Protein backbone atom coordinates (compact mmCIF):
# COMPACT_ATOMS: atom_id res chain seq x y z
CA MET A 1 -2.17 -13.03 19.66
CA ASP A 2 -1.34 -15.57 16.96
CA LYS A 3 -0.13 -14.33 13.89
CA LEU A 4 -0.69 -17.23 11.55
CA PHE A 5 -4.19 -16.25 12.46
CA ASN A 6 -6.02 -15.85 9.28
CA TRP A 7 -9.44 -13.13 9.17
CA GLU A 8 -10.17 -14.13 5.77
CA SER A 9 -10.57 -17.51 6.46
CA ALA A 10 -12.54 -17.08 9.58
CA GLU A 11 -14.06 -14.74 7.96
CA GLU A 12 -15.54 -17.51 5.00
CA LEU A 13 -16.22 -20.03 7.52
CA CYS A 14 -17.93 -18.06 9.37
CA LYS A 15 -20.08 -17.03 6.21
CA ALA A 16 -19.75 -20.45 5.06
CA ALA A 17 -21.59 -21.48 9.19
CA ARG A 18 -23.83 -18.76 8.64
CA ASP A 19 -25.29 -19.88 4.94
CA LYS A 20 -25.55 -23.75 6.24
CA LYS A 21 -27.94 -22.25 10.08
CA GLU A 22 -24.59 -24.42 11.78
CA ALA A 23 -23.57 -23.44 14.67
CA ILE A 24 -19.82 -22.61 14.71
CA PRO A 25 -17.66 -22.30 17.83
CA VAL A 26 -16.14 -19.16 18.15
CA ARG A 27 -13.73 -17.87 20.87
CA ILE A 28 -12.34 -13.69 20.87
CA TYR A 29 -9.71 -13.03 22.77
CA LEU A 30 -11.28 -9.42 23.81
CA GLY A 31 -7.68 -7.79 24.69
CA SER A 32 -7.50 -8.40 21.01
CA GLY A 33 -8.91 -4.96 19.53
CA PHE A 34 -10.72 -7.16 17.80
CA ASN A 35 -14.27 -5.26 17.03
CA PRO A 36 -16.77 -7.68 15.64
CA ASN A 37 -19.41 -6.42 13.68
CA VAL A 38 -22.06 -9.47 14.32
CA VAL A 39 -25.24 -7.31 13.11
CA GLU A 40 -23.78 -7.68 9.72
CA TYR A 41 -23.65 -11.68 10.50
CA MET A 42 -26.94 -12.11 12.47
CA LYS A 43 -29.19 -11.39 9.15
């Protein structure tokens, strides 16, 4: 896992792209333990 990754910045970036209806590439490492709640962002 990248220790320099900032979850808050990533969340803001994704929210801004969602609001502008822009696509944004996302890479999730399956072993990272990250459990996304994507339903919240798809509304």
